């Protein structure tokens, strides 16, 4: 036994494949609120401009984009302050679309489409040094779907 202390990882994700997200969301009856949150990794694609919708409580700001694992894609909707989590991506900080981990989100069907939405504990980790993201990036590079990124300060 070595003298190294046991180190608890700073982040612990249980990543779901995007294909699994479809099955999870379809397991709920219509209008049922999902009972647990999931973690999903993918490349941010097709970011739409922020839109404004009128509601009875005032204006809501929405940002829609797709999250892709190179084989499947899923729609993501962020609203109001949640949009700030993607500012580095929206402002062109990355040469290639980065891989993100969307942690503690909910998957459900809305108007026939499977979407991911934030809950209070949701977080987005951009290009994390996490094994699942690293493996996904290498697979995408190997399949010619992603270019290697340079390091950023």
C-alpha atoms as a PDB file:
ATOM      1  CA  UNK A   1       0.000   0.000   0.000  1.00  0.00           C
ATOM      2  CA  UNK A   2       1.437   3.379  -0.938  1.00  0.00           C
ATOM      3  CA  UNK A   3       1.392   6.448   1.276  1.00  0.00           C
ATOM      4  CA  UNK A   4      -0.698   8.519  -1.147  1.00  0.00           C
ATOM      5  CA  UNK A   5      -3.827   9.994   0.436  1.00  0.00           C
ATOM      6  CA  UNK A   6      -7.170   9.047  -1.036  1.00  0.00           C
ATOM      7  CA  UNK A   7      -8.245  11.932  -3.201  1.00  0.00           C
ATOM      8  CA  UNK A   8     -11.907  12.631  -3.794  1.00  0.00           C
ATOM      9  CA  UNK A   9     -12.425  13.907  -7.349  1.00  0.00           C
ATOM     10  CA  UNK A  10     -13.533  17.529  -7.546  1.00  0.00           C
ATOM     11  CA  UNK A  11     -16.289  16.590 -10.005  1.00  0.00           C
ATOM     12  CA  UNK A  12     -18.086  13.288 -10.344  1.00  0.00           C
ATOM     13  CA  UNK A  13     -20.242  12.867 -13.414  1.00  0.00           C
ATOM     14  CA  UNK A  14     -22.334   9.951 -14.548  1.00  0.00           C
ATOM     15  CA  UNK A  15     -22.447  10.791 -18.221  1.00  0.00           C
ATOM     16  CA  UNK A  16     -25.345   9.587 -20.326  1.00  0.00           C
ATOM     17  CA  UNK A  17     -24.915   9.064 -24.041  1.00  0.00           C
ATOM     18  CA  UNK A  18     -27.191  11.286 -26.093  1.00  0.00           C
ATOM     19  CA  UNK A  19     -28.862   8.140 -27.470  1.00  0.00           C
ATOM     20  CA  UNK A  20     -29.722   7.186 -23.859  1.00  0.00           C
ATOM     21  CA  UNK A  21     -31.280  10.607 -23.293  1.00  0.00           C
ATOM     22  CA  UNK A  22     -33.910   9.814 -25.921  1.00  0.00           C
ATOM     23  CA  UNK A  23     -34.853   6.618 -24.091  1.00  0.00           C
ATOM     24  CA  UNK A  24     -34.919   8.377 -20.713  1.00  0.00           C
ATOM     25  CA  UNK A  25     -37.184  11.162 -21.926  1.00  0.00           C
ATOM     26  CA  UNK A  26     -39.533   8.753 -23.673  1.00  0.00           C
ATOM     27  CA  UNK A  27     -39.942   6.767 -20.457  1.00  0.00           C
ATOM     28  CA  UNK A  28     -41.968   9.629 -18.975  1.00  0.00           C
ATOM     29  CA  UNK A  29     -45.656  10.091 -19.685  1.00  0.00           C
ATOM     30  CA  UNK A  30     -46.534  13.381 -21.432  1.00  0.00           C
ATOM     31  CA  UNK A  31     -46.201  16.436 -19.169  1.00  0.00           C
ATOM     32  CA  UNK A  32     -44.519  14.368 -16.420  1.00  0.00           C
ATOM     33  CA  UNK A  33     -41.679  16.203 -14.705  1.00  0.00           C
ATOM     34  CA  UNK A  34     -38.509  14.067 -14.729  1.00  0.00           C
ATOM     35  CA  UNK A  35     -37.670  12.659 -11.319  1.00  0.00           C
ATOM     36  CA  UNK A  36     -33.888  12.906 -11.555  1.00  0.00           C
ATOM     37  CA  UNK A  37     -31.181  14.940 -13.242  1.00  0.00           C
ATOM     38  CA  UNK A  38     -28.634  13.629 -15.729  1.00  0.00           C
ATOM     39  CA  UNK A  39     -25.176  14.629 -16.974  1.00  0.00           C
ATOM     40  CA  UNK A  40     -24.592  14.826 -20.739  1.00  0.00           C
ATOM     41  CA  UNK A  41     -21.439  15.614 -22.738  1.00  0.00           C
ATOM     42  CA  UNK A  42     -21.214  16.871 -26.282  1.00  0.00           C
ATOM     43  CA  UNK A  43     -20.042  19.511 -28.720  1.00  0.00           C
ATOM     44  CA  UNK A  44     -21.992  22.767 -28.844  1.00  0.00           C
ATOM     45  CA  UNK A  45     -23.407  23.369 -32.326  1.00  0.00           C
ATOM     46  CA  UNK A  46     -25.956  25.553 -34.062  1.00  0.00           C
ATOM     47  CA  UNK A  47     -26.180  28.313 -31.458  1.00  0.00           C
ATOM     48  CA  UNK A  48     -29.156  30.497 -32.314  1.00  0.00           C
ATOM     49  CA  UNK A  49     -29.409  34.188 -31.434  1.00  0.00           C
ATOM     50  CA  UNK A  50     -30.974  34.929 -28.065  1.00  0.00           C
ATOM     51  CA  UNK A  51     -34.728  35.308 -28.452  1.00  0.00           C
ATOM     52  CA  UNK A  52     -37.212  37.116 -26.235  1.00  0.00           C
ATOM     53  CA  UNK A  53     -40.640  35.765 -25.423  1.00  0.00           C
ATOM     54  CA  UNK A  54     -43.436  37.551 -23.608  1.00  0.00           C
ATOM     55  CA  UNK A  55     -44.870  35.759 -20.556  1.00  0.00           C
ATOM     56  CA  UNK A  56     -47.290  36.783 -17.837  1.00  0.00           C
ATOM     57  CA  UNK A  57     -44.331  37.400 -15.514  1.00  0.00           C
ATOM     58  CA  UNK A  58     -42.430  39.510 -18.046  1.00  0.00           C
ATOM     59  CA  UNK A  59     -39.888  39.002 -20.799  1.00  0.00           C
ATOM     60  CA  UNK A  60     -37.920  35.731 -20.873  1.00  0.00           C
ATOM     61  CA  UNK A  61     -34.667  35.367 -22.779  1.00  0.00           C
ATOM     62  CA  UNK A  62     -33.995  32.028 -24.463  1.00  0.00           C
ATOM     63  CA  UNK A  63     -30.889  30.572 -26.048  1.00  0.00           C
ATOM     64  CA  UNK A  64     -31.236  27.441 -28.151  1.00  0.00           C
ATOM     65  CA  UNK A  65     -28.422  25.238 -29.416  1.00  0.00           C
ATOM     66  CA  UNK A  66     -27.653  21.612 -30.197  1.00  0.00           C
ATOM     67  CA  UNK A  67     -25.406  19.271 -28.279  1.00  0.00           C
ATOM     68  CA  UNK A  68     -23.815  16.563 -30.424  1.00  0.00           C
ATOM     69  CA  UNK A  69     -21.680  13.534 -29.679  1.00  0.00           C
ATOM     70  CA  UNK A  70     -20.821  13.104 -33.366  1.00  0.00           C
ATOM     71  CA  UNK A  71     -23.527  10.476 -33.831  1.00  0.00           C
ATOM     72  CA  UNK A  72     -26.616  12.009 -32.249  1.00  0.00           C
ATOM     73  CA  UNK A  73     -27.767  15.525 -31.433  1.00  0.00           C
ATOM     74  CA  UNK A  74     -30.174  16.925 -28.909  1.00  0.00           C
ATOM     75  CA  UNK A  75     -31.696  20.372 -28.484  1.00  0.00           C
ATOM     76  CA  UNK A  76     -30.824  22.463 -25.437  1.00  0.00           C
ATOM     77  CA  UNK A  77     -32.708  25.500 -24.178  1.00  0.00           C
ATOM     78  CA  UNK A  78     -31.225  27.926 -21.659  1.00  0.00           C
ATOM     79  CA  UNK A  79     -33.180  30.835 -20.255  1.00  0.00           C
ATOM     80  CA  UNK A  80     -32.415  34.162 -18.633  1.00  0.00           C
ATOM     81  CA  UNK A  81     -29.320  34.015 -16.356  1.00  0.00           C
ATOM     82  CA  UNK A  82     -28.504  30.470 -17.518  1.00  0.00           C
ATOM     83  CA  UNK A  83     -27.417  31.957 -20.855  1.00  0.00           C
ATOM     84  CA  UNK A  84     -24.362  33.441 -19.144  1.00  0.00           C
ATOM     85  CA  UNK A  85     -22.933  29.925 -18.745  1.00  0.00           C
ATOM     86  CA  UNK A  86     -22.185  29.921 -22.483  1.00  0.00           C
ATOM     87  CA  UNK A  87     -20.779  33.438 -22.842  1.00  0.00           C
ATOM     88  CA  UNK A  88     -17.239  32.224 -23.644  1.00  0.00           C
ATOM     89  CA  UNK A  89     -18.613  30.091 -26.466  1.00  0.00           C
ATOM     90  CA  UNK A  90     -21.048  32.708 -27.769  1.00  0.00           C
ATOM     91  CA  UNK A  91     -18.312  35.349 -27.783  1.00  0.00           C
ATOM     92  CA  UNK A  92     -15.996  33.277 -30.000  1.00  0.00           C
ATOM     93  CA  UNK A  93     -13.322  32.377 -27.441  1.00  0.00           C
ATOM     94  CA  UNK A  94     -12.768  28.940 -29.023  1.00  0.00           C
ATOM     95  CA  UNK A  95     -11.506  28.109 -32.526  1.00  0.00           C
ATOM     96  CA  UNK A  96     -13.506  24.863 -32.533  1.00  0.00           C
ATOM     97  CA  UNK A  97     -16.801  24.340 -30.785  1.00  0.00           C
ATOM     98  CA  UNK A  98     -15.780  23.085 -27.333  1.00  0.00           C
ATOM     99  CA  UNK A  99     -16.948  19.936 -25.648  1.00  0.00           C
ATOM    100  CA  UNK A 100     -19.112  20.685 -22.654  1.00  0.00           C
ATOM    101  CA  UNK A 101     -20.515  18.658 -19.824  1.00  0.00           C
ATOM    102  CA  UNK A 102     -24.054  19.777 -19.064  1.00  0.00           C
ATOM    103  CA  UNK A 103     -24.343  18.581 -15.470  1.00  0.00           C
ATOM    104  CA  UNK A 104     -27.570  18.084 -13.541  1.00  0.00           C
ATOM    105  CA  UNK A 105     -29.983  18.830 -16.353  1.00  0.00           C
ATOM    106  CA  UNK A 106     -33.432  17.466 -17.162  1.00  0.00           C
ATOM    107  CA  UNK A 107     -34.411  15.723 -20.345  1.00  0.00           C
ATOM    108  CA  UNK A 108     -37.990  15.789 -21.512  1.00  0.00           C
ATOM    109  CA  UNK A 109     -40.128  15.925 -24.622  1.00  0.00           C
ATOM    110  CA  UNK A 110     -41.496  19.312 -25.673  1.00  0.00           C
ATOM    111  CA  UNK A 111     -43.575  19.678 -28.827  1.00  0.00           C
ATOM    112  CA  UNK A 112     -42.368  16.286 -30.012  1.00  0.00           C
ATOM    113  CA  UNK A 113     -38.657  17.043 -29.534  1.00  0.00           C
ATOM    114  CA  UNK A 114     -36.348  15.789 -26.808  1.00  0.00           C
ATOM    115  CA  UNK A 115     -34.710  18.760 -25.097  1.00  0.00           C
ATOM    116  CA  UNK A 116     -32.394  19.384 -22.176  1.00  0.00           C
ATOM    117  CA  UNK A 117     -33.187  22.119 -19.690  1.00  0.00           C
ATOM    118  CA  UNK A 118     -31.505  23.526 -16.614  1.00  0.00           C
ATOM    119  CA  UNK A 119     -32.637  23.009 -13.077  1.00  0.00           C
ATOM    120  CA  UNK A 120     -31.386  24.988 -10.093  1.00  0.00           C
ATOM    121  CA  UNK A 121     -28.293  22.807  -9.638  1.00  0.00           C
ATOM    122  CA  UNK A 122     -27.337  22.694 -13.351  1.00  0.00           C
ATOM    123  CA  UNK A 123     -23.844  23.666 -14.423  1.00  0.00           C
ATOM    124  CA  UNK A 124     -22.013  23.739 -17.730  1.00  0.00           C
ATOM    125  CA  UNK A 125     -18.333  22.791 -17.756  1.00  0.00           C
ATOM    126  CA  UNK A 126     -16.502  23.942 -20.884  1.00  0.00           C
ATOM    127  CA  UNK A 127     -13.673  21.712 -22.141  1.00  0.00           C
ATOM    128  CA  UNK A 128     -13.257  20.048 -18.759  1.00  0.00           C
ATOM    129  CA  UNK A 129     -10.198  17.869 -18.082  1.00  0.00           C
ATOM    130  CA  UNK A 130     -12.586  15.019 -17.304  1.00  0.00           C
ATOM    131  CA  UNK A 131     -12.041  11.527 -18.705  1.00  0.00           C
ATOM    132  CA  UNK A 132     -15.433  11.324 -20.449  1.00  0.00           C
ATOM    133  CA  UNK A 133     -14.863  14.603 -22.291  1.00  0.00           C
ATOM    134  CA  UNK A 134     -11.270  13.686 -23.186  1.00  0.00           C
ATOM    135  CA  UNK A 135     -12.347  10.309 -24.585  1.00  0.00           C
ATOM    136  CA  UNK A 136     -15.150  11.944 -26.591  1.00  0.00           C
ATOM    137  CA  UNK A 137     -12.785  14.570 -28.021  1.00  0.00           C
ATOM    138  CA  UNK A 138     -10.270  11.910 -29.102  1.00  0.00           C
ATOM    139  CA  UNK A 139     -13.017   9.801 -30.718  1.00  0.00           C
ATOM    140  CA  UNK A 140     -14.279  12.830 -32.647  1.00  0.00           C
ATOM    141  CA  UNK A 141     -10.721  13.676 -33.767  1.00  0.00           C
ATOM    142  CA  UNK A 142     -10.117  10.049 -34.842  1.00  0.00           C
ATOM    143  CA  UNK A 143     -13.365  10.070 -36.849  1.00  0.00           C
ATOM    144  CA  UNK A 144     -12.435  13.362 -38.535  1.00  0.00           C
ATOM    145  CA  UNK A 145     -15.356  15.215 -36.965  1.00  0.00           C
ATOM    146  CA  UNK A 146     -13.292  17.513 -34.786  1.00  0.00           C
ATOM    147  CA  UNK A 147      -9.994  19.353 -35.105  1.00  0.00           C
ATOM    148  CA  UNK A 148      -7.427  19.301 -32.330  1.00  0.00           C
ATOM    149  CA  UNK A 149      -7.587  22.496 -30.300  1.00  0.00           C
ATOM    150  CA  UNK A 150      -4.675  24.579 -29.180  1.00  0.00           C
ATOM    151  CA  UNK A 151      -4.287  25.388 -25.520  1.00  0.00           C
ATOM    152  CA  UNK A 152      -5.805  28.623 -24.255  1.00  0.00           C
ATOM    153  CA  UNK A 153      -4.539  30.853 -21.454  1.00  0.00           C
END
